[in-house]
Amino acid sequence: FADYCPNGLQVQGGERVRRIVSGVTASQALVDAAIAAQ
């Protein structure tokens, strides 16, 4: 796809994943909710 943004990893975090939080838009509110959900 020739897209309007990069697809895939946009900000690198930890090397292992145990818990995913998903949502429509990476707003501050969703970022804060992901932090609260660890």
PDB file of all heavy atoms in Angstrom:
ATOM      1  N   PHE A   1       0.817  -1.209   0.000  1.00  0.00           N
ATOM      2  CA  PHE A   1       0.000   0.000   0.000  1.00  0.00           C
ATOM      3  C   PHE A   1       0.854   1.264   0.000  1.00  0.00           C
ATOM      4  O   PHE A   1       1.801   1.383   0.775  1.00  0.00           O
ATOM      5  CB  PHE A   1      -0.915   0.021   1.220  1.00  0.00           C
ATOM      6  CG  PHE A   1      -1.974  -1.032   1.194  1.00  0.00           C
ATOM      7  CD1 PHE A   1      -1.702  -2.321   1.641  1.00  0.00           C
ATOM      8  CD2 PHE A   1      -3.243  -0.757   0.725  1.00  0.00           C
ATOM      9  CE1 PHE A   1      -2.664  -3.304   1.624  1.00  0.00           C
ATOM     10  CE2 PHE A   1      -4.220  -1.728   0.705  1.00  0.00           C
ATOM     11  CZ  PHE A   1      -3.930  -3.015   1.136  1.00  0.00           C
ATOM     12  N   ALA A   2       0.495   2.204  -0.871  1.00  0.00           N
ATOM     13  CA  ALA A   2       1.032   3.565  -0.819  1.00  0.00           C
ATOM     14  C   ALA A   2       0.054   4.364   0.042  1.00  0.00           C
ATOM     15  O   ALA A   2      -1.021   4.751  -0.427  1.00  0.00           O
ATOM     16  CB  ALA A   2       1.145   4.155  -2.211  1.00  0.00           C
ATOM     17  N   ASP A   3       0.405   4.592   1.293  1.00  0.00           N
ATOM     18  CA  ASP A   3      -0.542   5.132   2.260  1.00  0.00           C
ATOM     19  C   ASP A   3      -0.172   6.564   2.635  1.00  0.00           C
ATOM     20  O   ASP A   3       0.854   7.101   2.215  1.00  0.00           O
ATOM     21  CB  ASP A   3      -0.557   4.234   3.504  1.00  0.00           C
ATOM     22  CG  ASP A   3      -1.903   4.214   4.204  1.00  0.00           C
ATOM     23  OD1 ASP A   3      -2.664   5.183   4.071  1.00  0.00           O
ATOM     24  OD2 ASP A   3      -2.184   3.216   4.895  1.00  0.00           O
ATOM     25  N   TYR A   4      -1.013   7.170   3.467  1.00  0.00           N
ATOM     26  CA  TYR A   4      -0.813   8.539   3.923  1.00  0.00           C
ATOM     27  C   TYR A   4       0.034   8.600   5.190  1.00  0.00           C
ATOM     28  O   TYR A   4       0.299   9.686   5.707  1.00  0.00           O
ATOM     29  CB  TYR A   4      -2.170   9.202   4.199  1.00  0.00           C
ATOM     30  CG  TYR A   4      -3.148   9.059   3.072  1.00  0.00           C
ATOM     31  CD1 TYR A   4      -4.186   8.133   3.145  1.00  0.00           C
ATOM     32  CD2 TYR A   4      -3.039   9.835   1.919  1.00  0.00           C
ATOM     33  CE1 TYR A   4      -5.082   7.981   2.099  1.00  0.00           C
ATOM     34  CE2 TYR A   4      -3.943   9.694   0.874  1.00  0.00           C
ATOM     35  CZ  TYR A   4      -4.957   8.770   0.966  1.00  0.00           C
ATOM     36  OH  TYR A   4      -5.845   8.619  -0.071  1.00  0.00           O
ATOM     37  N   CYS A   5       0.422   7.448   5.719  1.00  0.00           N
ATOM     38  CA  CYS A   5       1.188   7.365   6.948  1.00  0.00           C
ATOM     39  C   CYS A   5       1.948   6.047   6.942  1.00  0.00           C
ATOM     40  O   CYS A   5       1.629   5.148   6.161  1.00  0.00           O
ATOM     41  CB  CYS A   5       0.259   7.421   8.166  1.00  0.00           C
ATOM     42  SG  CYS A   5      -0.900   6.035   8.219  1.00  0.00           S
ATOM     43  N   PRO A   6       2.968   5.899   7.783  1.00  0.00           N
ATOM     44  CA  PRO A   6       3.659   4.609   7.865  1.00  0.00           C
ATOM     45  C   PRO A   6       2.779   3.560   8.527  1.00  0.00           C
ATOM     46  O   PRO A   6       2.116   3.829   9.532  1.00  0.00           O
ATOM     47  CB  PRO A   6       4.892   4.924   8.724  1.00  0.00           C
ATOM     48  CG  PRO A   6       4.521   6.137   9.506  1.00  0.00           C
ATOM     49  CD  PRO A   6       3.585   6.926   8.654  1.00  0.00           C
ATOM     50  N   ASN A   7       2.756   2.371   7.941  1.00  0.00           N
ATOM     51  CA  ASN A   7       2.018   1.255   8.519  1.00  0.00           C
ATOM     52  C   ASN A   7       2.964   0.351   9.286  1.00  0.00           C
ATOM     53  O   ASN A   7       4.100   0.123   8.870  1.00  0.00           O
ATOM     54  CB  ASN A   7       1.311   0.458   7.423  1.00  0.00           C
ATOM     55  CG  ASN A   7       0.096   1.179   6.886  1.00  0.00           C
ATOM     56  OD1 ASN A   7      -0.877   1.405   7.597  1.00  0.00           O
ATOM     57  ND2 ASN A   7       0.154   1.561   5.614  1.00  0.00           N
ATOM     58  N   GLY A   8       2.492  -0.165  10.416  1.00  0.00           N
ATOM     59  CA  GLY A   8       3.316  -1.017  11.254  1.00  0.00           C
ATOM     60  C   GLY A   8       3.803  -0.258  12.478  1.00  0.00           C
ATOM     61  O   GLY A   8       3.094   0.583  13.041  1.00  0.00           O
ATOM     62  N   LEU A   9       5.032  -0.546  12.887  1.00  0.00           N
ATOM     63  CA  LEU A   9       5.582   0.069  14.096  1.00  0.00           C
ATOM     64  C   LEU A   9       5.861   1.551  13.865  1.00  0.00           C
ATOM     65  O   LEU A   9       6.603   1.923  12.961  1.00  0.00           O
ATOM     66  CB  LEU A   9       6.878  -0.642  14.493  1.00  0.00           C
ATOM     67  CG  LEU A   9       7.544  -0.173  15.784  1.00  0.00           C
ATOM     68  CD1 LEU A   9       6.653  -0.443  16.998  1.00  0.00           C
ATOM     69  CD2 LEU A   9       8.903  -0.847  15.946  1.00  0.00           C
ATOM     70  N   GLN A  10       5.284   2.407  14.709  1.00  0.00           N
ATOM     71  CA  GLN A  10       5.504   3.849  14.615  1.00  0.00           C
ATOM     72  C   GLN A  10       6.328   4.381  15.781  1.00  0.00           C
ATOM     73  O   GLN A  10       7.086   5.335  15.611  1.00  0.00           O
ATOM     74  CB  GLN A  10       4.159   4.588  14.545  1.00  0.00           C
ATOM     75  CG  GLN A  10       3.401   4.339  13.248  1.00  0.00           C
ATOM     76  CD  GLN A  10       2.215   5.270  13.087  1.00  0.00           C
ATOM     77  OE1 GLN A  10       1.732   5.878  14.042  1.00  0.00           O
ATOM     78  NE2 GLN A  10       1.728   5.389  11.866  1.00  0.00           N
ATOM     79  N   VAL A  11       6.170   3.813  16.954  1.00  0.00           N
ATOM     80  CA  VAL A  11       6.974   4.180  18.122  1.00  0.00           C
ATOM     81  C   VAL A  11       7.430   2.876  18.779  1.00  0.00           C
ATOM     82  O   VAL A  11       6.610   2.032  19.124  1.00  0.00           O
ATOM     83  CB  VAL A  11       6.177   5.031  19.132  1.00  0.00           C
ATOM     84  CG1 VAL A  11       7.036   5.338  20.358  1.00  0.00           C
ATOM     85  CG2 VAL A  11       5.684   6.320  18.488  1.00  0.00           C
ATOM     86  N   GLN A  12       8.746   2.741  18.934  1.00  0.00           N
ATOM     87  CA  GLN A  12       9.295   1.493  19.473  1.00  0.00           C
ATOM     88  C   GLN A  12       9.227   1.469  20.993  1.00  0.00           C
ATOM     89  O   GLN A  12       9.580   2.437  21.669  1.00  0.00           O
ATOM     90  CB  GLN A  12      10.745   1.320  19.029  1.00  0.00           C
ATOM     91  CG  GLN A  12      11.362  -0.009  19.421  1.00  0.00           C
ATOM     92  CD  GLN A  12      12.746  -0.185  18.831  1.00  0.00           C
ATOM     93  OE1 GLN A  12      13.229   0.648  18.078  1.00  0.00           O
ATOM     94  NE2 GLN A  12      13.401  -1.277  19.196  1.00  0.00           N
ATOM     95  N   GLY A  13       8.754   0.339  21.518  1.00  0.00           N
ATOM     96  CA  GLY A  13       8.705   0.134  22.957  1.00  0.00           C
ATOM     97  C   GLY A  13       9.451  -1.125  23.350  1.00  0.00           C
ATOM     98  O   GLY A  13      10.542  -1.397  22.838  1.00  0.00           O
ATOM     99  N   GLY A  14       8.875  -1.910  24.223  1.00  0.00           N
ATOM    100  CA  GLY A  14       9.533  -3.106  24.726  1.00  0.00           C
ATOM    101  C   GLY A  14       9.673  -4.202  23.687  1.00  0.00           C
ATOM    102  O   GLY A  14       8.976  -4.218  22.663  1.00  0.00           O
ATOM    103  N   GLU A  15      10.557  -5.149  23.973  1.00  0.00           N
ATOM    104  CA  GLU A  15      10.870  -6.217  23.023  1.00  0.00           C
ATOM    105  C   GLU A  15       9.923  -7.406  23.137  1.00  0.00           C
ATOM    106  O   GLU A  15       9.985  -8.316  22.298  1.00  0.00           O
ATOM    107  CB  GLU A  15      12.311  -6.692  23.238  1.00  0.00           C
ATOM    108  CG  GLU A  15      13.347  -5.617  22.947  1.00  0.00           C
ATOM    109  CD  GLU A  15      14.765  -6.108  23.155  1.00  0.00           C
ATOM    110  OE1 GLU A  15      14.935  -7.252  23.641  1.00  0.00           O
ATOM    111  OE2 GLU A  15      15.698  -5.350  22.822  1.00  0.00           O
ATOM    112  N   ARG A  16       9.080  -7.439  24.155  1.00  0.00           N
ATOM    113  CA  ARG A  16       8.139  -8.537  24.339  1.00  0.00           C
ATOM    114  C   ARG A  16       6.738  -7.968  24.570  1.00  0.00           C
ATOM    115  O   ARG A  16       6.576  -6.897  25.160  1.00  0.00           O
ATOM    116  CB  ARG A  16       8.539  -9.403  25.534  1.00  0.00           C
ATOM    117  CG  ARG A  16       9.947  -9.966  25.460  1.00  0.00           C
ATOM    118  CD  ARG A  16      10.049 -11.165  24.550  1.00  0.00           C
ATOM    119  NE  ARG A  16       9.456 -12.351  25.162  1.00  0.00           N
ATOM    120  CZ  ARG A  16       9.308 -13.511  24.520  1.00  0.00           C
ATOM    121  NH1 ARG A  16       9.676 -13.631  23.266  1.00  0.00           N
ATOM    122  NH2 ARG A  16       8.785 -14.552  25.152  1.00  0.00           N
ATOM    123  N   VAL A  17       5.730  -8.704  24.092  1.00  0.00           N
ATOM    124  CA  VAL A  17       4.341  -8.259  24.211  1.00  0.00           C
ATOM    125  C   VAL A  17       3.534  -9.320  24.952  1.00  0.00           C
ATOM    126  O   VAL A  17       3.480 -10.479  24.524  1.00  0.00           O
ATOM    127  CB  VAL A  17       3.710  -8.004  22.827  1.00  0.00           C
ATOM    128  CG1 VAL A  17       2.227  -7.653  22.974  1.00  0.00           C
ATOM    129  CG2 VAL A  17       4.451  -6.883  22.102  1.00  0.00           C
ATOM    130  N   ARG A  18       2.928  -8.900  26.049  1.00  0.00           N
ATOM    131  CA  ARG A  18       2.013  -9.758  26.797  1.00  0.00           C
ATOM    132  C   ARG A  18       0.588  -9.259  26.688  1.00  0.00           C
ATOM    133  O   ARG A  18      -0.348 -10.043  26.656  1.00  0.00           O
ATOM    134  CB  ARG A  18       2.432  -9.812  28.277  1.00  0.00           C
ATOM    135  CG  ARG A  18       1.509 -10.617  29.179  1.00  0.00           C
ATOM    136  CD  ARG A  18       2.079 -10.726  30.591  1.00  0.00           C
ATOM    137  NE  ARG A  18       2.327  -9.414  31.179  1.00  0.00           N
ATOM    138  CZ  ARG A  18       1.424  -8.739  31.895  1.00  0.00           C
ATOM    139  NH1 ARG A  18       0.228  -9.251  32.119  1.00  0.00           N
ATOM    140  NH2 ARG A  18       1.725  -7.554  32.410  1.00  0.00           N
ATOM    141  N   ARG A  19       0.438  -7.917  26.621  1.00  0.00           N
ATOM    142  CA  ARG A  19      -0.906  -7.329  26.613  1.00  0.00           C
ATOM    143  C   ARG A  19      -0.998  -6.256  25.527  1.00  0.00           C
ATOM    144  O   ARG A  19      -0.183  -5.336  25.476  1.00  0.00           O
ATOM    145  CB  ARG A  19      -1.229  -6.724  27.977  1.00  0.00           C
ATOM    146  CG  ARG A  19      -2.612  -6.093  28.065  1.00  0.00           C
ATOM    147  CD  ARG A  19      -2.892  -5.581  29.463  1.00  0.00           C
ATOM    148  NE  ARG A  19      -2.921  -6.693  30.429  1.00  0.00           N
ATOM    149  CZ  ARG A  19      -2.231  -6.704  31.558  1.00  0.00           C
ATOM    150  NH1 ARG A  19      -1.446  -5.690  31.872  1.00  0.00           N
ATOM    151  NH2 ARG A  19      -2.323  -7.735  32.382  1.00  0.00           N
ATOM    152  N   ILE A  20      -2.006  -6.385  24.678  1.00  0.00           N
ATOM    153  CA  ILE A  20      -2.310  -5.396  23.644  1.00  0.00           C
ATOM    154  C   ILE A  20      -3.541  -4.607  24.064  1.00  0.00           C
ATOM    155  O   ILE A  20      -4.538  -5.181  24.517  1.00  0.00           O
ATOM    156  CB  ILE A  20      -2.588  -6.074  22.291  1.00  0.00           C
ATOM    157  CG1 ILE A  20      -1.335  -6.762  21.750  1.00  0.00           C
ATOM    158  CG2 ILE A  20      -3.113  -5.069  21.266  1.00  0.00           C
ATOM    159  CD1 ILE A  20      -1.583  -7.582  20.487  1.00  0.00           C
ATOM    160  N   VAL A  21      -3.478  -3.297  23.903  1.00  0.00           N
ATOM    161  CA  VAL A  21      -4.670  -2.450  23.948  1.00  0.00           C
ATOM    162  C   VAL A  21      -4.893  -1.925  22.547  1.00  0.00           C
ATOM    163  O   VAL A  21      -3.956  -1.467  21.882  1.00  0.00           O
ATOM    164  CB  VAL A  21      -4.515  -1.287  24.949  1.00  0.00           C
ATOM    165  CG1 VAL A  21      -5.548  -0.191  24.674  1.00  0.00           C
ATOM    166  CG2 VAL A  21      -4.669  -1.793  26.376  1.00  0.00           C
ATOM    167  N   SER A  22      -6.118  -2.016  22.050  1.00  0.00           N
ATOM    168  CA  SER A  22      -6.439  -1.483  20.730  1.00  0.00           C
ATOM    169  C   SER A  22      -7.479  -0.389  20.841  1.00  0.00           C
ATOM    170  O   SER A  22      -8.242  -0.327  21.813  1.00  0.00           O
ATOM    171  CB  SER A  22      -6.945  -2.597  19.797  1.00  0.00           C
ATOM    172  OG  SER A  22      -8.196  -3.108  20.250  1.00  0.00           O
ATOM    173  N   GLY A  23      -7.495   0.479  19.849  1.00  0.00           N
ATOM    174  CA  GLY A  23      -8.454   1.569  19.773  1.00  0.00           C
ATOM    175  C   GLY A  23      -8.379   2.203  18.409  1.00  0.00           C
ATOM    176  O   GLY A  23      -7.483   1.893  17.609  1.00  0.00           O
ATOM    177  N   VAL A  24      -9.288   3.110  18.121  1.00  0.00           N
ATOM    178  CA  VAL A  24      -9.363   3.687  16.780  1.00  0.00           C
ATOM    179  C   VAL A  24      -8.228   4.669  16.533  1.00  0.00           C
ATOM    180  O   VAL A  24      -7.519   4.584  15.518  1.00  0.00           O
ATOM    181  CB  VAL A  24     -10.726   4.370  16.554  1.00  0.00           C
ATOM    182  CG1 VAL A  24     -10.779   5.016  15.167  1.00  0.00           C
ATOM    183  CG2 VAL A  24     -11.866   3.364  16.714  1.00  0.00           C
ATOM    184  N   THR A  25      -8.013   5.603  17.438  1.00  0.00           N
ATOM    185  CA  THR A  25      -7.069   6.704  17.221  1.00  0.00           C
ATOM    186  C   THR A  25      -6.141   6.848  18.421  1.00  0.00           C
ATOM    187  O   THR A  25      -6.593   6.808  19.568  1.00  0.00           O
ATOM    188  CB  THR A  25      -7.836   8.026  17.007  1.00  0.00           C
ATOM    189  OG1 THR A  25      -8.667   7.896  15.853  1.00  0.00           O
ATOM    190  CG2 THR A  25      -6.880   9.198  16.807  1.00  0.00           C
ATOM    191  N   ALA A  26      -4.862   7.059  18.150  1.00  0.00           N
ATOM    192  CA  ALA A  26      -3.863   7.170  19.217  1.00  0.00           C
ATOM    193  C   ALA A  26      -3.883   8.564  19.846  1.00  0.00           C
ATOM    194  O   ALA A  26      -2.886   9.287  19.862  1.00  0.00           O
ATOM    195  CB  ALA A  26      -2.475   6.845  18.679  1.00  0.00           C
ATOM    196  N   SER A  27      -5.041   8.935  20.373  1.00  0.00           N
ATOM    197  CA  SER A  27      -5.191  10.201  21.086  1.00  0.00           C
ATOM    198  C   SER A  27      -4.511  10.099  22.445  1.00  0.00           C
ATOM    199  O   SER A  27      -4.134   9.018  22.893  1.00  0.00           O
ATOM    200  CB  SER A  27      -6.670  10.509  21.282  1.00  0.00           C
ATOM    201  OG  SER A  27      -7.261   9.496  22.091  1.00  0.00           O
ATOM    202  N   GLN A  28      -4.369  11.248  23.124  1.00  0.00           N
ATOM    203  CA  GLN A  28      -3.798  11.222  24.466  1.00  0.00           C
ATOM    204  C   GLN A  28      -4.651  10.389  25.407  1.00  0.00           C
ATOM    205  O   GLN A  28      -4.132   9.659  26.263  1.00  0.00           O
ATOM    206  CB  GLN A  28      -3.658  12.649  25.015  1.00  0.00           C
ATOM    207  CG  GLN A  28      -2.911  12.725  26.337  1.00  0.00           C
ATOM    208  CD  GLN A  28      -1.434  12.377  26.190  1.00  0.00           C
ATOM    209  OE1 GLN A  28      -0.726  13.015  25.433  1.00  0.00           O
ATOM    210  NE2 GLN A  28      -0.976  11.353  26.916  1.00  0.00           N
ATOM    211  N   ALA A  29      -5.961  10.461  25.246  1.00  0.00           N
ATOM    212  CA  ALA A  29      -6.854   9.689  26.107  1.00  0.00           C
ATOM    213  C   ALA A  29      -6.623   8.189  25.939  1.00  0.00           C
ATOM    214  O   ALA A  29      -6.635   7.437  26.925  1.00  0.00           O
ATOM    215  CB  ALA A  29      -8.315  10.034  25.812  1.00  0.00           C
ATOM    216  N   LEU A  30      -6.420   7.739  24.693  1.00  0.00           N
ATOM    217  CA  LEU A  30      -6.171   6.316  24.482  1.00  0.00           C
ATOM    218  C   LEU A  30      -4.784   5.924  24.973  1.00  0.00           C
ATOM    219  O   LEU A  30      -4.607   4.845  25.560  1.00  0.00           O
ATOM    220  CB  LEU A  30      -6.333   5.951  23.008  1.00  0.00           C
ATOM    221  CG  LEU A  30      -6.188   4.460  22.692  1.00  0.00           C
ATOM    222  CD1 LEU A  30      -7.213   3.628  23.452  1.00  0.00           C
ATOM    223  CD2 LEU A  30      -6.293   4.210  21.195  1.00  0.00           C
ATOM    224  N   VAL A  31      -3.798   6.782  24.770  1.00  0.00           N
ATOM    225  CA  VAL A  31      -2.459   6.515  25.294  1.00  0.00           C
ATOM    226  C   VAL A  31      -2.519   6.370  26.818  1.00  0.00           C
ATOM    227  O   VAL A  31      -1.955   5.433  27.394  1.00  0.00           O
ATOM    228  CB  VAL A  31      -1.471   7.619  24.888  1.00  0.00           C
ATOM    229  CG1 VAL A  31      -0.147   7.480  25.637  1.00  0.00           C
ATOM    230  CG2 VAL A  31      -1.233   7.591  23.377  1.00  0.00           C
ATOM    231  N   ASP A  32      -3.220   7.279  27.486  1.00  0.00           N
ATOM    232  CA  ASP A  32      -3.343   7.219  28.945  1.00  0.00           C
ATOM    233  C   ASP A  32      -4.057   5.936  29.378  1.00  0.00           C
ATOM    234  O   ASP A  32      -3.683   5.318  30.400  1.00  0.00           O
ATOM    235  CB  ASP A  32      -4.112   8.436  29.461  1.00  0.00           C
ATOM    236  CG  ASP A  32      -3.321   9.735  29.295  1.00  0.00           C
ATOM    237  OD1 ASP A  32      -2.095   9.666  29.087  1.00  0.00           O
ATOM    238  OD2 ASP A  32      -3.952  10.812  29.360  1.00  0.00           O
ATOM    239  N   ALA A  33      -5.076   5.521  28.624  1.00  0.00           N
ATOM    240  CA  ALA A  33      -5.800   4.297  28.954  1.00  0.00           C
ATOM    241  C   ALA A  33      -4.901   3.072  28.785  1.00  0.00           C
ATOM    242  O   ALA A  33      -4.966   2.126  29.576  1.00  0.00           O
ATOM    243  CB  ALA A  33      -7.046   4.167  28.080  1.00  0.00           C
ATOM    244  N   ALA A  34      -4.055   3.088  27.748  1.00  0.00           N
ATOM    245  CA  ALA A  34      -3.118   1.986  27.532  1.00  0.00           C
ATOM    246  C   ALA A  34      -2.097   1.906  28.667  1.00  0.00           C
ATOM    247  O   ALA A  34      -1.730   0.816  29.116  1.00  0.00           O
ATOM    248  CB  ALA A  34      -2.419   2.148  26.186  1.00  0.00           C
ATOM    249  N   ILE A  35      -1.648   3.057  29.129  1.00  0.00           N
ATOM    250  CA  ILE A  35      -0.719   3.088  30.268  1.00  0.00           C
ATOM    251  C   ILE A  35      -1.388   2.514  31.510  1.00  0.00           C
ATOM    252  O   ILE A  35      -0.810   1.683  32.230  1.00  0.00           O
ATOM    253  CB  ILE A  35      -0.238   4.533  30.525  1.00  0.00           C
ATOM    254  CG1 ILE A  35       0.634   5.015  29.360  1.00  0.00           C
ATOM    255  CG2 ILE A  35       0.511   4.628  31.848  1.00  0.00           C
ATOM    256  CD1 ILE A  35       0.928   6.515  29.385  1.00  0.00           C
ATOM    257  N   ALA A  36      -2.634   2.939  31.772  1.00  0.00           N
ATOM    258  CA  ALA A  36      -3.367   2.450  32.942  1.00  0.00           C
ATOM    259  C   ALA A  36      -3.595   0.940  32.871  1.00  0.00           C
ATOM    260  O   ALA A  36      -3.611   0.262  33.903  1.00  0.00           O
ATOM    261  CB  ALA A  36      -4.696   3.185  33.064  1.00  0.00           C
ATOM    262  N   ALA A  37      -3.761   0.427  31.657  1.00  0.00           N
ATOM    263  CA  ALA A  37      -3.991  -1.011  31.468  1.00  0.00           C
ATOM    264  C   ALA A  37      -2.688  -1.805  31.441  1.00  0.00           C
ATOM    265  O   ALA A  37      -2.728  -3.021  31.279  1.00  0.00           O
ATOM    266  CB  ALA A  37      -4.766  -1.246  30.180  1.00  0.00           C
ATOM    267  N   GLN A  38      -1.565  -1.113  31.573  1.00  0.00           N
ATOM    268  CA  GLN A  38      -0.239  -1.746  31.554  1.00  0.00           C
ATOM    269  C   GLN A  38      -0.005  -2.514  30.238  1.00  0.00           C
ATOM    270  O   GLN A  38       0.494  -3.635  30.219  1.00  0.00           O
ATOM    271  CB  GLN A  38      -0.052  -2.660  32.758  1.00  0.00           C
ATOM    272  CG  GLN A  38      -0.109  -1.918  34.086  1.00  0.00           C
ATOM    273  CD  GLN A  38       0.148  -2.824  35.278  1.00  0.00           C
ATOM    274  OE1 GLN A  38      -0.302  -3.962  35.325  1.00  0.00           O
ATOM    275  NE2 GLN A  38       0.902  -2.311  36.253  1.00  0.00           N
TER     276      GLN A  38
END
